[in-house]
Amino acid sequence: MKSKYKSLIYIVGVLLLIISILNKICWIYICTKYTEFEETKTAYLSLFPKYIANAFFLTIIDIIASGIAAIIFFKFKKKGYLKKKSKIFMIISFILCGWSIFSLM
């Protein structure tokens, strides 16, 4: 893989991880403002455009984003590209992916 593609793919992984982290931060922040689950869910979904304001769909997007990020960081860790950062990002991505998967249950 060429070095310019390595950087681009790594940046994509970081962006996907950031999307997943921001999604969790938004959910946690909204949870602190409301006590009832339905109010919390409505407030959370109101942050998104109508065409994606569906809890199941947003969870699937989060699983895909964190899953792809985890795979990207796993591959880069294996190749030795930014090995320590890749390992940390990979672990965070796997945790967020697992969190999202278990939130569907």
N, C-alpha and C. Protein backbone atom coordinates (compact mmCIF):
# COMPACT_ATOMS: atom_id res chain seq x y z
N MET A 1 0.84 -1.17 0.00
CA MET A 1 0.00 0.00 0.00
C MET A 1 0.90 1.25 0.00
N LYS A 2 0.57 2.19 -0.85
CA LYS A 2 1.37 3.41 -0.92
C LYS A 2 1.16 4.25 0.32
N SER A 3 2.19 5.03 0.65
CA SER A 3 2.13 5.80 1.90
C SER A 3 1.03 6.85 1.89
N LYS A 4 0.72 7.44 0.73
CA LYS A 4 -0.34 8.44 0.72
C LYS A 4 -1.71 7.78 0.96
N TYR A 5 -1.87 6.53 0.52
CA TYR A 5 -3.11 5.82 0.78
C TYR A 5 -3.20 5.38 2.23
N LYS A 6 -2.05 5.06 2.82
CA LYS A 6 -2.03 4.69 4.23
C LYS A 6 -2.59 5.82 5.09
N SER A 7 -2.09 7.01 4.84
CA SER A 7 -2.53 8.17 5.61
C SER A 7 -4.01 8.44 5.41
N LEU A 8 -4.47 8.34 4.17
CA LEU A 8 -5.87 8.61 3.86
C LEU A 8 -6.78 7.59 4.54
N ILE A 9 -6.42 6.32 4.46
CA ILE A 9 -7.23 5.28 5.09
C ILE A 9 -7.21 5.42 6.61
N TYR A 10 -6.06 5.77 7.15
CA TYR A 10 -5.97 5.96 8.60
C TYR A 10 -6.86 7.12 9.05
N ILE A 11 -6.87 8.19 8.27
CA ILE A 11 -7.73 9.34 8.58
C ILE A 11 -9.20 8.94 8.52
N VAL A 12 -9.56 8.12 7.55
CA VAL A 12 -10.95 7.63 7.47
C VAL A 12 -11.29 6.84 8.73
N GLY A 13 -10.38 6.00 9.18
CA GLY A 13 -10.60 5.26 10.42
C GLY A 13 -10.78 6.17 11.61
N VAL A 14 -9.96 7.20 11.70
CA VAL A 14 -10.07 8.16 12.80
C VAL A 14 -11.41 8.89 12.73
N LEU A 15 -11.83 9.29 11.53
CA LEU A 15 -13.12 9.98 11.38
C LEU A 15 -14.29 9.07 11.78
N LEU A 16 -14.23 7.82 11.39
CA LEU A 16 -15.29 6.88 11.78
C LEU A 16 -15.32 6.68 13.29
N LEU A 17 -14.16 6.62 13.90
CA LEU A 17 -14.09 6.50 15.36
C LEU A 17 -14.66 7.75 16.03
N ILE A 18 -14.35 8.92 15.49
CA ILE A 18 -14.87 10.17 16.04
C ILE A 18 -16.39 10.22 15.93
N ILE A 19 -16.93 9.76 14.80
CA ILE A 19 -18.39 9.72 14.63
C ILE A 19 -19.02 8.85 15.71
N SER A 20 -18.43 7.70 15.95
CA SER A 20 -18.97 6.79 16.96
C SER A 20 -18.87 7.40 18.36
N ILE A 21 -17.74 8.02 18.66
CA ILE A 21 -17.56 8.65 19.98
C ILE A 21 -18.55 9.80 20.17
N LEU A 22 -18.70 10.64 19.15
CA LEU A 22 -19.64 11.77 19.27
C LEU A 22 -21.08 11.29 19.44
N ASN A 23 -21.42 10.21 18.77
CA ASN A 23 -22.76 9.65 18.93
C ASN A 23 -23.00 9.22 20.38
N LYS A 24 -22.01 8.55 20.96
CA LYS A 24 -22.15 8.13 22.37
C LYS A 24 -22.19 9.33 23.32
N ILE A 25 -21.38 10.34 23.05
CA ILE A 25 -21.38 11.55 23.88
C ILE A 25 -22.73 12.24 23.82
N CYS A 26 -23.30 12.33 22.62
CA CYS A 26 -24.63 12.95 22.49
C CYS A 26 -25.67 12.18 23.30
N TRP A 27 -25.65 10.85 23.21
CA TRP A 27 -26.60 10.03 23.95
C TRP A 27 -26.44 10.23 25.46
N ILE A 28 -25.21 10.20 25.93
CA ILE A 28 -24.96 10.37 27.37
C ILE A 28 -25.39 11.76 27.83
N TYR A 29 -25.09 12.78 27.05
CA TYR A 29 -25.48 14.15 27.40
C TYR A 29 -27.01 14.28 27.47
N ILE A 30 -27.70 13.73 26.50
CA ILE A 30 -29.17 13.78 26.49
C ILE A 30 -29.72 13.01 27.68
N CYS A 31 -29.09 11.89 28.04
CA CYS A 31 -29.55 11.10 29.19
C CYS A 31 -29.47 11.87 30.50
N THR A 32 -28.53 12.80 30.59
CA THR A 32 -28.39 13.57 31.82
C THR A 32 -29.47 14.65 31.94
N LYS A 33 -30.10 15.01 30.83
CA LYS A 33 -31.11 16.07 30.84
C LYS A 33 -32.52 15.56 31.10
N TYR A 34 -32.79 14.31 30.77
CA TYR A 34 -34.14 13.77 30.88
C TYR A 34 -34.15 12.55 31.78
N THR A 35 -35.30 12.30 32.41
CA THR A 35 -35.40 11.14 33.29
C THR A 35 -36.20 10.01 32.64
N GLU A 36 -37.17 10.34 31.83
CA GLU A 36 -37.99 9.33 31.16
C GLU A 36 -37.32 8.88 29.86
N PHE A 37 -37.37 7.57 29.59
CA PHE A 37 -36.71 7.03 28.42
C PHE A 37 -37.29 7.59 27.12
N GLU A 38 -38.60 7.68 27.04
CA GLU A 38 -39.22 8.17 25.80
C GLU A 38 -38.85 9.62 25.52
N GLU A 39 -38.78 10.45 26.56
CA GLU A 39 -38.34 11.84 26.38
C GLU A 39 -36.89 11.88 25.90
N THR A 40 -36.07 11.04 26.50
CA THR A 40 -34.66 10.97 26.14
C THR A 40 -34.50 10.55 24.69
N LYS A 41 -35.23 9.52 24.30
CA LYS A 41 -35.15 9.01 22.93
C LYS A 41 -35.62 10.06 21.93
N THR A 42 -36.71 10.76 22.23
CA THR A 42 -37.22 11.80 21.35
C THR A 42 -36.23 12.95 21.21
N ALA A 43 -35.65 13.36 22.33
CA ALA A 43 -34.66 14.45 22.29
C ALA A 43 -33.43 14.03 21.50
N TYR A 44 -32.98 12.80 21.67
CA TYR A 44 -31.82 12.29 20.94
C TYR A 44 -32.09 12.25 19.44
N LEU A 45 -33.24 11.70 19.08
CA LEU A 45 -33.58 11.59 17.66
C LEU A 45 -33.80 12.95 17.01
N SER A 46 -34.15 13.95 17.81
CA SER A 46 -34.36 15.29 17.26
C SER A 46 -33.05 15.94 16.81
N LEU A 47 -31.92 15.38 17.22
CA LEU A 47 -30.62 15.91 16.80
C LEU A 47 -30.29 15.57 15.35
N PHE A 48 -31.00 14.61 14.78
CA PHE A 48 -30.69 14.10 13.45
C PHE A 48 -31.77 14.49 12.45
N PRO A 49 -31.41 14.53 11.16
CA PRO A 49 -32.42 14.80 10.13
C PRO A 49 -33.49 13.71 10.12
N LYS A 50 -34.68 14.06 9.67
CA LYS A 50 -35.82 13.13 9.71
C LYS A 50 -35.54 11.80 9.01
N TYR A 51 -34.80 11.84 7.89
CA TYR A 51 -34.60 10.61 7.12
C TYR A 51 -33.68 9.60 7.81
N ILE A 52 -32.94 10.00 8.83
CA ILE A 52 -32.14 9.02 9.58
C ILE A 52 -32.51 8.99 11.06
N ALA A 53 -33.54 9.70 11.45
CA ALA A 53 -33.95 9.78 12.86
C ALA A 53 -34.73 8.52 13.27
N ASN A 54 -34.03 7.41 13.29
CA ASN A 54 -34.59 6.14 13.69
C ASN A 54 -33.55 5.48 14.58
N ALA A 55 -33.95 5.10 15.77
CA ALA A 55 -32.99 4.57 16.75
C ALA A 55 -32.27 3.33 16.23
N PHE A 56 -33.00 2.42 15.60
CA PHE A 56 -32.38 1.20 15.08
C PHE A 56 -31.37 1.54 13.98
N PHE A 57 -31.76 2.40 13.06
CA PHE A 57 -30.89 2.79 11.95
C PHE A 57 -29.63 3.49 12.45
N LEU A 58 -29.79 4.38 13.42
CA LEU A 58 -28.63 5.08 13.98
C LEU A 58 -27.68 4.12 14.70
N THR A 59 -28.24 3.12 15.36
CA THR A 59 -27.41 2.13 16.03
C THR A 59 -26.64 1.29 15.00
N ILE A 60 -27.29 0.93 13.91
CA ILE A 60 -26.62 0.18 12.85
C ILE A 60 -25.49 1.02 12.24
N ILE A 61 -25.74 2.31 12.01
CA ILE A 61 -24.69 3.19 11.49
C ILE A 61 -23.52 3.24 12.46
N ASP A 62 -23.81 3.32 13.74
CA ASP A 62 -22.76 3.36 14.76
C ASP A 62 -21.96 2.05 14.79
N ILE A 63 -22.64 0.93 14.68
CA ILE A 63 -21.96 -0.37 14.64
C ILE A 63 -21.05 -0.47 13.42
N ILE A 64 -21.56 -0.05 12.28
CA ILE A 64 -20.77 -0.10 11.05
C ILE A 64 -19.56 0.82 11.15
N ALA A 65 -19.77 2.05 11.63
CA ALA A 65 -18.66 3.02 11.73
C ALA A 65 -17.58 2.52 12.67
N SER A 66 -17.97 2.09 13.86
CA SER A 66 -16.95 1.63 14.81
C SER A 66 -16.34 0.29 14.39
N GLY A 67 -17.11 -0.55 13.72
CA GLY A 67 -16.58 -1.83 13.23
C GLY A 67 -15.55 -1.64 12.13
N ILE A 68 -15.85 -0.77 11.18
CA ILE A 68 -14.90 -0.50 10.10
C ILE A 68 -13.64 0.16 10.67
N ALA A 69 -13.83 1.08 11.61
CA ALA A 69 -12.67 1.72 12.25
C ALA A 69 -11.80 0.68 12.96
N ALA A 70 -12.43 -0.24 13.66
CA ALA A 70 -11.67 -1.28 14.37
C ALA A 70 -10.88 -2.14 13.39
N ILE A 71 -11.49 -2.48 12.27
CA ILE A 71 -10.80 -3.28 11.26
C ILE A 71 -9.62 -2.51 10.67
N ILE A 72 -9.84 -1.25 10.37
CA ILE A 72 -8.75 -0.42 9.82
C ILE A 72 -7.59 -0.36 10.80
N PHE A 73 -7.88 -0.08 12.07
CA PHE A 73 -6.81 0.03 13.05
C PHE A 73 -6.14 -1.32 13.31
N PHE A 74 -6.90 -2.40 13.24
CA PHE A 74 -6.31 -3.74 13.40
C PHE A 74 -5.30 -4.01 12.29
N LYS A 75 -5.70 -3.69 11.05
CA LYS A 75 -4.81 -3.91 9.91
C LYS A 75 -3.54 -3.08 10.03
N PHE A 76 -3.68 -1.82 10.44
CA PHE A 76 -2.51 -0.95 10.56
C PHE A 76 -1.62 -1.38 11.72
N LYS A 77 -2.23 -1.85 12.80
CA LYS A 77 -1.43 -2.34 13.94
C LYS A 77 -0.61 -3.55 13.51
N LYS A 78 -1.25 -4.41 12.74
CA LYS A 78 -0.59 -5.61 12.25
C LYS A 78 0.59 -5.28 11.33
N LYS A 79 0.43 -4.22 10.53
CA LYS A 79 1.50 -3.81 9.61
C LYS A 79 2.56 -2.95 10.29
N GLY A 80 2.31 -2.52 11.52
CA GLY A 80 3.29 -1.74 12.26
C GLY A 80 3.21 -0.24 11.99
N TYR A 81 2.14 0.21 11.35
CA TYR A 81 1.97 1.63 11.05
C TYR A 81 1.33 2.31 12.25
N LEU A 82 2.04 3.21 12.89
CA LEU A 82 1.56 3.87 14.12
C LEU A 82 1.01 2.81 15.08
N LYS A 83 1.85 1.84 15.38
CA LYS A 83 1.42 0.63 16.09
C LYS A 83 0.73 0.90 17.43
N LYS A 84 1.32 1.77 18.25
CA LYS A 84 0.76 2.02 19.58
C LYS A 84 -0.59 2.74 19.48
N LYS A 85 -0.65 3.79 18.65
CA LYS A 85 -1.91 4.53 18.47
C LYS A 85 -2.97 3.63 17.84
N SER A 86 -2.56 2.84 16.85
CA SER A 86 -3.50 1.94 16.19
C SER A 86 -4.10 0.94 17.18
N LYS A 87 -3.28 0.44 18.08
CA LYS A 87 -3.76 -0.53 19.08
C LYS A 87 -4.78 0.13 20.02
N ILE A 88 -4.48 1.35 20.47
CA ILE A 88 -5.39 2.06 21.36
C ILE A 88 -6.70 2.36 20.64
N PHE A 89 -6.61 2.88 19.41
CA PHE A 89 -7.81 3.19 18.64
C PHE A 89 -8.61 1.93 18.32
N MET A 90 -7.92 0.83 18.06
CA MET A 90 -8.59 -0.43 17.77
C MET A 90 -9.39 -0.89 18.99
N ILE A 91 -8.80 -0.83 20.16
CA ILE A 91 -9.48 -1.25 21.39
C ILE A 91 -10.70 -0.37 21.65
N ILE A 92 -10.55 0.93 21.50
CA ILE A 92 -11.68 1.84 21.70
C ILE A 92 -12.78 1.54 20.69
N SER A 93 -12.40 1.30 19.44
CA SER A 93 -13.40 1.00 18.40
C SER A 93 -14.15 -0.29 18.71
N PHE A 94 -13.42 -1.33 19.14
CA PHE A 94 -14.08 -2.59 19.48
C PHE A 94 -15.02 -2.43 20.68
N ILE A 95 -14.62 -1.65 21.66
CA ILE A 95 -15.50 -1.41 22.82
C ILE A 95 -16.77 -0.69 22.39
N LEU A 96 -16.62 0.35 21.57
CA LEU A 96 -17.80 1.09 21.11
C LEU A 96 -18.70 0.24 20.22
N CYS A 97 -18.09 -0.60 19.40
CA CYS A 97 -18.87 -1.50 18.55
C CYS A 97 -19.65 -2.49 19.41
N GLY A 98 -18.99 -3.06 20.40
CA GLY A 98 -19.67 -3.98 21.31
C GLY A 98 -20.79 -3.32 22.09
N TRP A 99 -20.53 -2.09 22.55
CA TRP A 99 -21.54 -1.33 23.26
C TRP A 99 -22.77 -1.15 22.38
N SER A 100 -22.56 -0.79 21.13
CA SER A 100 -23.68 -0.57 20.22
C SER A 100 -24.43 -1.87 19.92
N ILE A 101 -23.69 -2.96 19.76
CA ILE A 101 -24.34 -4.25 19.49
C ILE A 101 -25.21 -4.66 20.68
N PHE A 102 -24.69 -4.53 21.88
CA PHE A 102 -25.47 -4.94 23.06
C PHE A 102 -26.60 -3.96 23.37
N SER A 103 -26.53 -2.73 22.85
CA SER A 103 -27.65 -1.80 23.06
C SER A 103 -28.85 -2.18 22.21
N LEU A 104 -28.64 -2.98 21.19
CA LEU A 104 -29.76 -3.45 20.38
C LEU A 104 -30.55 -4.55 21.08
N MET A 105 -29.91 -5.25 22.01
CA MET A 105 -30.57 -6.39 22.65
C MET A 105 -31.59 -5.95 23.68
